[in-house]
Each structure stands twice: as C-alpha cells, then as structure tokens.
Amino acid sequence: MSEKVLLTAKEVNIILHRLACQLIEKHLDFSETVLIGLQPRGSYLARRLKQILEQEYNVAQIQLGLLDITFFRDDFRRSDKPLEANKTEIDFLVEDKKVVFIDDVLYTGRSIRAALTAIQSFGRPGEIELLVLIDRRFSRHLPIQPDYRGRQVDAINNEKVKVCWVENEGEDKVYLV
C-alpha cells in the first residue's frame, strides 16, 4: 500500500489559520454561532479551530459541540462489523443559531446528511454551514458542498484520504493511500 503526502504539518497549519480567518470574516461575532465537530474525526479539527480562534485571534466564548452520527447514517445496518458509537457532547441548544458542521473529509456526503438529521434533537438551527479540511469532489452521492474547504482532492478508484492529527496519530499530515 503506497502513501503519498498531500499535506505536511506546515501546510495543515496554514490551512487551519485560513479556515479560522474565513470563519471570522463570515461570523465576526460568534455569539449566535456554534461549532459542531462530527465524531470521531471532525472533533480533532473542530477543537483545533476553536483553539486557534480563541488563542490567536482573540475570539471569545466560542461554543463547541461534538455530534455522534453513527445511528443516523443510512448505511449503519449494512455493515457486518459491529459499530462503535462515539459520545455526543452538546450542552447547549442550537435553536435559531448558526451551526457550522466540521469534519475532516467530505466524501460521499452521507455523514453530513446524517448530521443534518441528528442535529434536530438539539433544536432547529437558523442556518447550517459545512467546513471540511479535505473535499473529495468527484465522489459525492448527495448534493452536498462545503462552505469552507481546506483543500480539494481528486481521489479516484480505491484511493483513500487519511488525515492524521498530532493529538491522535502523533503528527499533522494528510496522505493519499
């Protein structure tokens, strides 16, 4: 199995800062905006963006939640292996808020469709946006597009995009496998 480096740690850091700046440009005041990281992989990106926004751009009181979509997926009964659910951590209502879903890779769009259903348990958002680190643009099954994207990748056939985070794998790097 061959791996090609798509993004180095330095490039990931630059992209994270660009995404944080785009969020600031659009939202300015985050009092009516909440960030929701999609479990499990979007949580790393969401936490990192919150940290950058607060520590480097002095944005105060950003609400961050983590959403588990495992049992909202339309394919969760189709797998032979047992599913491992993650923990949803949302201690606020999203009623009439601007919600920014955050995930590492946008592939078929099915995770986002599941997130749209799952978030309804916490209120009716006024607006929902999507932020992804990697957009695999030629593999969509549903008409879902990101509002904020770090990098667009054309992965074909059986190629996979693997995002590594220093908090989990010990390095910030994105591979095409």
N, C-alpha and C. Protein backbone atom coordinates (compact mmCIF):
# COMPACT_ATOMS: atom_id res chain seq x y z
N MET A 1 0.86 -1.18 0.00
CA MET A 1 0.00 0.00 0.00
C MET A 1 0.89 1.24 0.00
N SER A 2 0.77 2.06 -1.03
CA SER A 2 1.62 3.24 -1.13
C SER A 2 0.90 4.47 -0.57
N GLU A 3 1.68 5.34 0.02
CA GLU A 3 1.14 6.58 0.59
C GLU A 3 1.82 7.77 -0.07
N LYS A 4 1.02 8.74 -0.44
CA LYS A 4 1.54 9.99 -0.99
C LYS A 4 1.13 11.09 -0.02
N VAL A 5 2.07 11.93 0.36
CA VAL A 5 1.77 13.03 1.27
C VAL A 5 1.04 14.13 0.50
N LEU A 6 -0.17 14.43 0.92
CA LEU A 6 -0.94 15.52 0.32
C LEU A 6 -0.68 16.84 1.04
N LEU A 7 -0.60 16.79 2.36
CA LEU A 7 -0.35 17.99 3.15
C LEU A 7 0.64 17.67 4.27
N THR A 8 1.64 18.52 4.42
CA THR A 8 2.58 18.40 5.53
C THR A 8 2.02 19.12 6.74
N ALA A 9 2.69 19.00 7.87
CA ALA A 9 2.25 19.68 9.10
C ALA A 9 2.18 21.19 8.90
N LYS A 10 3.17 21.74 8.20
CA LYS A 10 3.18 23.19 7.94
C LYS A 10 1.99 23.60 7.09
N GLU A 11 1.70 22.82 6.05
CA GLU A 11 0.56 23.13 5.19
C GLU A 11 -0.77 23.00 5.92
N VAL A 12 -0.88 21.99 6.78
CA VAL A 12 -2.10 21.83 7.59
C VAL A 12 -2.28 23.05 8.48
N ASN A 13 -1.21 23.51 9.10
CA ASN A 13 -1.28 24.69 9.97
C ASN A 13 -1.71 25.94 9.20
N ILE A 14 -1.17 26.13 8.03
CA ILE A 14 -1.55 27.29 7.19
C ILE A 14 -3.04 27.21 6.84
N ILE A 15 -3.50 26.03 6.45
CA ILE A 15 -4.91 25.85 6.08
C ILE A 15 -5.82 26.09 7.28
N LEU A 16 -5.43 25.60 8.46
CA LEU A 16 -6.25 25.82 9.66
C LEU A 16 -6.40 27.31 9.96
N HIS A 17 -5.32 28.07 9.81
CA HIS A 17 -5.40 29.51 10.03
C HIS A 17 -6.26 30.20 8.97
N ARG A 18 -6.16 29.74 7.73
CA ARG A 18 -7.00 30.32 6.67
C ARG A 18 -8.48 30.03 6.95
N LEU A 19 -8.79 28.80 7.34
CA LEU A 19 -10.18 28.45 7.67
C LEU A 19 -10.69 29.27 8.85
N ALA A 20 -9.84 29.47 9.85
CA ALA A 20 -10.23 30.29 11.02
C ALA A 20 -10.52 31.72 10.57
N CYS A 21 -9.70 32.26 9.69
CA CYS A 21 -9.93 33.63 9.20
C CYS A 21 -11.22 33.71 8.38
N GLN A 22 -11.50 32.69 7.60
CA GLN A 22 -12.75 32.68 6.83
C GLN A 22 -13.96 32.65 7.76
N LEU A 23 -13.87 31.89 8.85
CA LEU A 23 -14.96 31.86 9.83
C LEU A 23 -15.15 33.24 10.46
N ILE A 24 -14.06 33.89 10.79
CA ILE A 24 -14.14 35.24 11.38
C ILE A 24 -14.76 36.22 10.40
N GLU A 25 -14.34 36.16 9.14
CA GLU A 25 -14.91 37.06 8.12
C GLU A 25 -16.41 36.90 8.01
N LYS A 26 -16.88 35.67 8.07
CA LYS A 26 -18.31 35.40 7.89
C LYS A 26 -19.12 35.66 9.16
N HIS A 27 -18.56 35.34 10.33
CA HIS A 27 -19.34 35.37 11.56
C HIS A 27 -18.99 36.52 12.49
N LEU A 28 -17.79 37.03 12.42
CA LEU A 28 -17.32 38.15 13.22
C LEU A 28 -17.61 37.99 14.70
N ASP A 29 -18.89 38.06 15.06
CA ASP A 29 -19.33 37.88 16.44
C ASP A 29 -19.89 36.46 16.55
N PHE A 30 -19.26 35.62 17.35
CA PHE A 30 -19.66 34.22 17.44
C PHE A 30 -20.73 33.97 18.50
N SER A 31 -21.41 35.02 18.96
CA SER A 31 -22.42 34.83 19.99
C SER A 31 -23.62 34.03 19.50
N GLU A 32 -23.89 34.06 18.20
CA GLU A 32 -25.01 33.31 17.64
C GLU A 32 -24.54 32.15 16.76
N THR A 33 -23.25 31.83 16.84
CA THR A 33 -22.66 30.77 16.03
C THR A 33 -22.12 29.67 16.93
N VAL A 34 -22.36 28.42 16.55
CA VAL A 34 -21.80 27.28 17.29
C VAL A 34 -21.04 26.38 16.32
N LEU A 35 -19.95 25.83 16.80
CA LEU A 35 -19.17 24.89 16.03
C LEU A 35 -19.52 23.47 16.47
N ILE A 36 -19.79 22.60 15.51
CA ILE A 36 -20.15 21.21 15.83
C ILE A 36 -19.20 20.29 15.06
N GLY A 37 -18.32 19.62 15.81
CA GLY A 37 -17.42 18.65 15.21
C GLY A 37 -18.12 17.31 15.08
N LEU A 38 -18.03 16.70 13.91
CA LEU A 38 -18.66 15.40 13.69
C LEU A 38 -17.72 14.30 14.17
N GLN A 39 -18.21 13.49 15.09
CA GLN A 39 -17.42 12.41 15.68
C GLN A 39 -17.18 11.32 14.65
N PRO A 40 -16.06 10.67 14.65
CA PRO A 40 -14.94 10.92 15.55
C PRO A 40 -13.91 11.89 14.97
N ARG A 41 -13.71 11.88 13.65
CA ARG A 41 -12.57 12.57 13.06
C ARG A 41 -12.73 14.09 13.00
N GLY A 42 -13.95 14.58 12.89
CA GLY A 42 -14.16 16.02 12.84
C GLY A 42 -13.91 16.71 14.16
N SER A 43 -13.90 15.95 15.24
CA SER A 43 -13.69 16.54 16.56
C SER A 43 -12.29 17.12 16.71
N TYR A 44 -11.29 16.48 16.10
CA TYR A 44 -9.92 16.99 16.18
C TYR A 44 -9.82 18.34 15.47
N LEU A 45 -10.40 18.43 14.29
CA LEU A 45 -10.38 19.66 13.52
C LEU A 45 -11.16 20.76 14.24
N ALA A 46 -12.31 20.43 14.79
CA ALA A 46 -13.14 21.42 15.49
C ALA A 46 -12.41 21.97 16.72
N ARG A 47 -11.81 21.10 17.50
CA ARG A 47 -11.08 21.56 18.70
C ARG A 47 -9.90 22.45 18.31
N ARG A 48 -9.21 22.07 17.25
CA ARG A 48 -8.05 22.85 16.82
C ARG A 48 -8.48 24.22 16.33
N LEU A 49 -9.57 24.28 15.57
CA LEU A 49 -10.06 25.58 15.09
C LEU A 49 -10.51 26.46 16.26
N LYS A 50 -11.19 25.88 17.22
CA LYS A 50 -11.61 26.65 18.40
C LYS A 50 -10.39 27.23 19.12
N GLN A 51 -9.37 26.40 19.27
CA GLN A 51 -8.14 26.85 19.93
C GLN A 51 -7.49 28.00 19.17
N ILE A 52 -7.40 27.88 17.86
CA ILE A 52 -6.81 28.94 17.04
C ILE A 52 -7.63 30.22 17.13
N LEU A 53 -8.93 30.10 17.02
CA LEU A 53 -9.81 31.28 17.09
C LEU A 53 -9.67 32.00 18.43
N GLU A 54 -9.63 31.23 19.51
CA GLU A 54 -9.56 31.85 20.84
C GLU A 54 -8.17 32.39 21.17
N GLN A 55 -7.14 31.59 20.91
CA GLN A 55 -5.80 31.96 21.35
C GLN A 55 -5.07 32.91 20.40
N GLU A 56 -5.30 32.76 19.10
CA GLU A 56 -4.54 33.56 18.16
C GLU A 56 -5.32 34.72 17.57
N TYR A 57 -6.66 34.63 17.60
CA TYR A 57 -7.48 35.70 17.04
C TYR A 57 -8.40 36.34 18.08
N ASN A 58 -8.23 35.96 19.34
CA ASN A 58 -8.95 36.55 20.48
C ASN A 58 -10.46 36.56 20.31
N VAL A 59 -11.01 35.50 19.74
CA VAL A 59 -12.46 35.35 19.64
C VAL A 59 -12.92 34.71 20.94
N ALA A 60 -13.82 35.37 21.64
CA ALA A 60 -14.23 34.90 22.96
C ALA A 60 -15.47 34.02 22.90
N GLN A 61 -15.56 33.13 23.85
CA GLN A 61 -16.76 32.33 24.14
C GLN A 61 -17.33 31.60 22.92
N ILE A 62 -16.50 30.82 22.28
CA ILE A 62 -16.97 30.00 21.17
C ILE A 62 -17.58 28.73 21.74
N GLN A 63 -18.81 28.45 21.33
CA GLN A 63 -19.47 27.23 21.78
C GLN A 63 -19.09 26.11 20.83
N LEU A 64 -18.58 25.01 21.41
CA LEU A 64 -18.16 23.86 20.62
C LEU A 64 -18.89 22.63 21.11
N GLY A 65 -19.46 21.89 20.17
CA GLY A 65 -20.11 20.63 20.49
C GLY A 65 -19.56 19.53 19.60
N LEU A 66 -19.74 18.30 20.04
CA LEU A 66 -19.33 17.14 19.26
C LEU A 66 -20.57 16.28 19.04
N LEU A 67 -20.80 15.89 17.80
CA LEU A 67 -22.02 15.18 17.42
C LEU A 67 -21.69 13.80 16.89
N ASP A 68 -22.30 12.77 17.51
CA ASP A 68 -22.16 11.41 17.02
C ASP A 68 -23.29 11.11 16.06
N ILE A 69 -22.94 10.68 14.86
CA ILE A 69 -23.96 10.44 13.82
C ILE A 69 -24.11 8.96 13.50
N THR A 70 -23.46 8.10 14.26
CA THR A 70 -23.39 6.67 13.96
C THR A 70 -24.75 6.07 13.59
N PHE A 71 -25.76 6.26 14.43
CA PHE A 71 -27.04 5.61 14.22
C PHE A 71 -28.01 6.44 13.39
N PHE A 72 -27.53 7.55 12.85
CA PHE A 72 -28.33 8.36 11.93
C PHE A 72 -27.93 8.10 10.48
N ARG A 73 -26.84 7.36 10.28
CA ARG A 73 -26.37 7.05 8.93
C ARG A 73 -27.35 6.12 8.24
N ASP A 74 -27.51 6.28 6.93
CA ASP A 74 -28.42 5.41 6.19
C ASP A 74 -27.81 4.04 5.89
N ASP A 75 -26.52 3.87 6.20
CA ASP A 75 -25.87 2.59 5.93
C ASP A 75 -25.45 1.86 7.20
N PHE A 76 -25.91 2.29 8.38
CA PHE A 76 -25.40 1.69 9.61
C PHE A 76 -25.83 0.25 9.80
N ARG A 77 -26.90 -0.19 9.18
CA ARG A 77 -27.34 -1.58 9.29
C ARG A 77 -26.73 -2.47 8.21
N ARG A 78 -25.98 -1.90 7.30
CA ARG A 78 -25.44 -2.66 6.16
C ARG A 78 -24.07 -3.25 6.43
N SER A 79 -23.48 -2.95 7.55
CA SER A 79 -22.13 -3.41 7.84
C SER A 79 -22.16 -4.70 8.65
N ASP A 80 -21.22 -5.58 8.36
CA ASP A 80 -21.11 -6.83 9.10
C ASP A 80 -20.40 -6.63 10.44
N LYS A 81 -19.53 -5.63 10.51
CA LYS A 81 -18.78 -5.41 11.74
C LYS A 81 -19.63 -4.58 12.71
N PRO A 82 -19.48 -4.83 14.00
CA PRO A 82 -20.26 -4.06 14.99
C PRO A 82 -19.81 -2.59 14.99
N LEU A 83 -20.78 -1.73 15.12
CA LEU A 83 -20.48 -0.30 15.13
C LEU A 83 -20.06 0.16 16.51
N GLU A 84 -19.16 1.11 16.54
CA GLU A 84 -18.74 1.72 17.79
C GLU A 84 -19.20 3.17 17.79
N ALA A 85 -20.17 3.43 18.64
CA ALA A 85 -20.69 4.79 18.73
C ALA A 85 -19.72 5.67 19.51
N ASN A 86 -19.75 6.94 19.21
CA ASN A 86 -18.97 7.93 19.95
C ASN A 86 -19.92 8.70 20.84
N LYS A 87 -19.38 9.60 21.61
CA LYS A 87 -20.20 10.36 22.54
C LYS A 87 -20.58 11.71 21.93
N THR A 88 -21.86 12.03 22.02
CA THR A 88 -22.30 13.36 21.64
C THR A 88 -22.11 14.27 22.85
N GLU A 89 -21.48 15.40 22.63
CA GLU A 89 -21.24 16.37 23.70
C GLU A 89 -21.73 17.73 23.25
N ILE A 90 -23.02 17.96 23.40
CA ILE A 90 -23.60 19.26 23.07
C ILE A 90 -24.42 19.69 24.29
N ASP A 91 -23.92 20.68 25.00
CA ASP A 91 -24.60 21.12 26.22
C ASP A 91 -25.27 22.49 26.03
N PHE A 92 -25.78 22.71 24.83
CA PHE A 92 -26.47 23.96 24.51
C PHE A 92 -27.51 23.67 23.44
N LEU A 93 -28.47 24.56 23.31
CA LEU A 93 -29.47 24.43 22.26
C LEU A 93 -28.94 25.09 20.99
N VAL A 94 -29.34 24.57 19.86
CA VAL A 94 -28.93 25.18 18.60
C VAL A 94 -30.08 25.97 17.98
N GLU A 95 -31.16 26.10 18.70
CA GLU A 95 -32.35 26.81 18.22
C GLU A 95 -31.98 28.19 17.68
N ASP A 96 -32.27 28.41 16.40
CA ASP A 96 -32.03 29.69 15.70
C ASP A 96 -30.57 30.11 15.64
N LYS A 97 -29.64 29.21 15.96
CA LYS A 97 -28.22 29.54 15.89
C LYS A 97 -27.67 29.25 14.50
N LYS A 98 -26.53 29.84 14.21
CA LYS A 98 -25.78 29.49 13.00
C LYS A 98 -24.86 28.33 13.40
N VAL A 99 -25.09 27.18 12.80
CA VAL A 99 -24.32 25.98 13.12
C VAL A 99 -23.30 25.74 12.02
N VAL A 100 -22.07 25.51 12.42
CA VAL A 100 -21.02 25.16 11.46
C VAL A 100 -20.62 23.72 11.75
N PHE A 101 -21.01 22.80 10.85
CA PHE A 101 -20.56 21.42 10.95
C PHE A 101 -19.10 21.37 10.52
N ILE A 102 -18.29 20.60 11.26
CA ILE A 102 -16.86 20.50 10.96
C ILE A 102 -16.50 19.02 10.85
N ASP A 103 -15.90 18.65 9.70
CA ASP A 103 -15.45 17.28 9.50
C ASP A 103 -14.12 17.30 8.75
N ASP A 104 -13.38 16.21 8.87
CA ASP A 104 -12.06 16.19 8.24
C ASP A 104 -12.13 15.98 6.73
N VAL A 105 -12.95 15.02 6.27
CA VAL A 105 -13.02 14.72 4.84
C VAL A 105 -14.48 14.67 4.40
N LEU A 106 -14.80 15.38 3.34
CA LEU A 106 -16.12 15.27 2.71
C LEU A 106 -15.96 14.31 1.54
N TYR A 107 -16.65 13.18 1.63
CA TYR A 107 -16.51 12.14 0.62
C TYR A 107 -17.85 11.98 -0.11
N THR A 108 -18.72 11.10 0.34
CA THR A 108 -19.99 10.87 -0.35
C THR A 108 -21.07 11.87 0.04
N GLY A 109 -20.93 12.47 1.22
CA GLY A 109 -21.95 13.39 1.73
C GLY A 109 -22.91 12.73 2.69
N ARG A 110 -22.81 11.41 2.86
CA ARG A 110 -23.74 10.69 3.73
C ARG A 110 -23.58 11.05 5.20
N SER A 111 -22.37 11.32 5.64
CA SER A 111 -22.17 11.74 7.04
C SER A 111 -22.85 13.07 7.31
N ILE A 112 -22.79 13.96 6.35
CA ILE A 112 -23.41 15.28 6.52
C ILE A 112 -24.93 15.15 6.53
N ARG A 113 -25.46 14.28 5.67
CA ARG A 113 -26.90 14.04 5.68
C ARG A 113 -27.32 13.50 7.04
N ALA A 114 -26.54 12.59 7.61
CA ALA A 114 -26.83 12.04 8.94
C ALA A 114 -26.75 13.14 10.00
N ALA A 115 -25.77 14.02 9.88
CA ALA A 115 -25.62 15.11 10.85
C ALA A 115 -26.81 16.07 10.79
N LEU A 116 -27.32 16.31 9.59
CA LEU A 116 -28.50 17.18 9.45
C LEU A 116 -29.70 16.61 10.20
N THR A 117 -29.83 15.30 10.19
CA THR A 117 -30.92 14.66 10.93
C THR A 117 -30.63 14.68 12.43
N ALA A 118 -29.41 14.33 12.82
CA ALA A 118 -29.05 14.22 14.23
C ALA A 118 -29.14 15.56 14.97
N ILE A 119 -28.81 16.65 14.32
CA ILE A 119 -28.78 17.95 15.00
C ILE A 119 -30.17 18.42 15.40
N GLN A 120 -31.20 17.89 14.75
CA GLN A 120 -32.57 18.29 15.06
C GLN A 120 -32.95 17.97 16.51
N SER A 121 -32.26 17.04 17.13
CA SER A 121 -32.52 16.70 18.54
C SER A 121 -32.15 17.84 19.48
N PHE A 122 -31.40 18.79 19.00
CA PHE A 122 -30.90 19.88 19.85
C PHE A 122 -31.53 21.23 19.49
N GLY A 123 -32.57 21.20 18.68
CA GLY A 123 -33.25 22.42 18.28
C GLY A 123 -33.19 22.58 16.77
N ARG A 124 -33.83 23.65 16.31
CA ARG A 124 -33.86 23.92 14.87
C ARG A 124 -32.90 25.07 14.57
N PRO A 125 -31.77 24.75 13.93
CA PRO A 125 -30.80 25.81 13.63
C PRO A 125 -31.39 26.84 12.66
N GLY A 126 -30.94 28.06 12.78
CA GLY A 126 -31.35 29.10 11.84
C GLY A 126 -30.65 28.94 10.51
N GLU A 127 -29.42 28.40 10.57
CA GLU A 127 -28.59 28.25 9.37
C GLU A 127 -27.54 27.18 9.65
N ILE A 128 -27.19 26.41 8.65
CA ILE A 128 -26.15 25.40 8.81
C ILE A 128 -25.13 25.57 7.69
N GLU A 129 -23.85 25.57 8.08
CA GLU A 129 -22.75 25.64 7.13
C GLU A 129 -21.87 24.40 7.31
N LEU A 130 -21.01 24.15 6.35
CA LEU A 130 -20.12 22.99 6.40
C LEU A 130 -18.68 23.43 6.16
N LEU A 131 -17.80 23.00 7.07
CA LEU A 131 -16.37 23.26 6.95
C LEU A 131 -15.66 21.90 6.93
N VAL A 132 -14.82 21.69 5.93
CA VAL A 132 -14.05 20.45 5.84
C VAL A 132 -12.59 20.76 5.53
N LEU A 133 -11.72 19.91 6.02
CA LEU A 133 -10.30 20.05 5.70
C LEU A 133 -10.04 19.58 4.27
N ILE A 134 -10.62 18.43 3.90
CA ILE A 134 -10.41 17.85 2.57
C ILE A 134 -11.76 17.63 1.90
N ASP A 135 -11.87 18.11 0.67
CA ASP A 135 -13.08 17.90 -0.14
C ASP A 135 -12.72 16.98 -1.30
N ARG A 136 -13.24 15.74 -1.24
CA ARG A 136 -13.06 14.80 -2.35
C ARG A 136 -14.18 15.05 -3.34
N ARG A 137 -13.95 15.90 -4.30
CA ARG A 137 -15.03 16.46 -5.10
C ARG A 137 -15.68 15.52 -6.11
N PHE A 138 -15.03 14.45 -6.53
CA PHE A 138 -15.62 13.60 -7.56
C PHE A 138 -16.28 12.35 -7.01
N SER A 139 -16.62 12.34 -5.73
CA SER A 139 -17.15 11.11 -5.14
C SER A 139 -18.46 11.33 -4.40
N ARG A 140 -19.13 12.41 -4.68
CA ARG A 140 -20.36 12.73 -3.96
C ARG A 140 -21.52 11.86 -4.40
N HIS A 141 -22.28 11.35 -3.43
CA HIS A 141 -23.52 10.62 -3.69
C HIS A 141 -24.73 11.51 -3.47
N LEU A 142 -24.55 12.58 -2.73
CA LEU A 142 -25.63 13.51 -2.39
C LEU A 142 -25.21 14.93 -2.77
N PRO A 143 -26.19 15.80 -3.04
CA PRO A 143 -25.85 17.17 -3.46
C PRO A 143 -25.44 18.05 -2.28
N ILE A 144 -24.28 17.76 -1.72
CA ILE A 144 -23.78 18.48 -0.55
C ILE A 144 -22.41 19.06 -0.90
N GLN A 145 -22.24 20.35 -0.63
CA GLN A 145 -20.98 21.03 -0.92
C GLN A 145 -20.53 21.80 0.32
N PRO A 146 -19.23 21.91 0.55
CA PRO A 146 -18.75 22.66 1.72
C PRO A 146 -18.80 24.17 1.50
N ASP A 147 -19.04 24.90 2.59
CA ASP A 147 -18.95 26.36 2.55
C ASP A 147 -17.50 26.80 2.73
N TYR A 148 -16.75 26.00 3.47
CA TYR A 148 -15.33 26.27 3.72
C TYR A 148 -14.58 24.96 3.46
N ARG A 149 -13.54 25.04 2.65
CA ARG A 149 -12.75 23.83 2.37
C ARG A 149 -11.28 24.18 2.48
N GLY A 150 -10.53 23.26 3.06
CA GLY A 150 -9.09 23.45 3.17
C GLY A 150 -8.40 23.14 1.87
N ARG A 151 -8.64 21.95 1.33
CA ARG A 151 -8.00 21.53 0.09
C ARG A 151 -8.96 20.62 -0.66
N GLN A 152 -8.99 20.78 -1.97
CA GLN A 152 -9.79 19.93 -2.83
C GLN A 152 -8.89 18.82 -3.37
N VAL A 153 -9.35 17.58 -3.31
CA VAL A 153 -8.54 16.45 -3.72
C VAL A 153 -9.32 15.61 -4.72
N ASP A 154 -8.64 15.21 -5.77
CA ASP A 154 -9.24 14.30 -6.75
C ASP A 154 -8.70 12.90 -6.50
N ALA A 155 -9.41 12.15 -5.67
CA ALA A 155 -9.03 10.77 -5.39
C ALA A 155 -9.93 9.86 -6.21
N ILE A 156 -9.33 8.90 -6.87
CA ILE A 156 -10.11 8.04 -7.77
C ILE A 156 -10.02 6.58 -7.33
N ASN A 157 -10.90 5.78 -7.89
CA ASN A 157 -10.95 4.33 -7.65
C ASN A 157 -10.93 4.00 -6.16
N ASN A 158 -9.93 3.23 -5.74
CA ASN A 158 -9.88 2.80 -4.34
C ASN A 158 -8.97 3.66 -3.48
N GLU A 159 -8.58 4.82 -3.97
CA GLU A 159 -7.71 5.70 -3.19
C GLU A 159 -8.49 6.25 -1.99
N LYS A 160 -7.79 6.36 -0.88
CA LYS A 160 -8.41 6.91 0.33
C LYS A 160 -7.59 8.09 0.82
N VAL A 161 -8.26 9.01 1.46
CA VAL A 161 -7.58 10.15 2.08
C VAL A 161 -7.51 9.86 3.57
N LYS A 162 -6.31 9.89 4.11
CA LYS A 162 -6.08 9.62 5.53
C LYS A 162 -5.56 10.90 6.19
N VAL A 163 -6.34 11.42 7.14
CA VAL A 163 -5.94 12.63 7.86
C VAL A 163 -5.38 12.21 9.22
N CYS A 164 -4.17 12.62 9.51
CA CYS A 164 -3.54 12.32 10.79
C CYS A 164 -3.45 13.60 11.62
N TRP A 165 -3.78 13.49 12.89
CA TRP A 165 -3.71 14.62 13.82
C TRP A 165 -2.68 14.31 14.89
N VAL A 166 -1.94 15.32 15.29
CA VAL A 166 -0.91 15.14 16.31
C VAL A 166 -1.52 14.60 17.61
N GLU A 167 -2.76 14.96 17.91
CA GLU A 167 -3.42 14.51 19.13
C GLU A 167 -3.72 13.01 19.10
N ASN A 168 -3.82 12.44 17.92
CA ASN A 168 -4.23 11.04 17.79
C ASN A 168 -3.12 10.16 17.21
N GLU A 169 -2.56 10.56 16.09
CA GLU A 169 -1.52 9.76 15.43
C GLU A 169 -0.11 10.28 15.64
N GLY A 170 0.03 11.38 16.36
CA GLY A 170 1.36 11.90 16.65
C GLY A 170 1.93 12.85 15.61
N GLU A 171 1.16 13.12 14.55
CA GLU A 171 1.63 14.05 13.53
C GLU A 171 0.43 14.68 12.81
N ASP A 172 0.63 15.91 12.33
CA ASP A 172 -0.35 16.54 11.47
C ASP A 172 0.09 16.29 10.03
N LYS A 173 -0.68 15.48 9.32
CA LYS A 173 -0.31 15.16 7.94
C LYS A 173 -1.52 14.56 7.25
N VAL A 174 -1.61 14.76 5.93
CA VAL A 174 -2.69 14.17 5.15
C VAL A 174 -2.05 13.34 4.05
N TYR A 175 -2.51 12.09 3.96
CA TYR A 175 -1.99 11.15 2.97
C TYR A 175 -3.06 10.75 1.97
N LEU A 176 -2.63 10.42 0.77
CA LEU A 176 -3.48 9.72 -0.21
C LEU A 176 -2.95 8.28 -0.23
N VAL A 177 -3.80 7.35 0.15
CA VAL A 177 -3.40 5.95 0.30
C VAL A 177 -4.01 5.12 -0.82
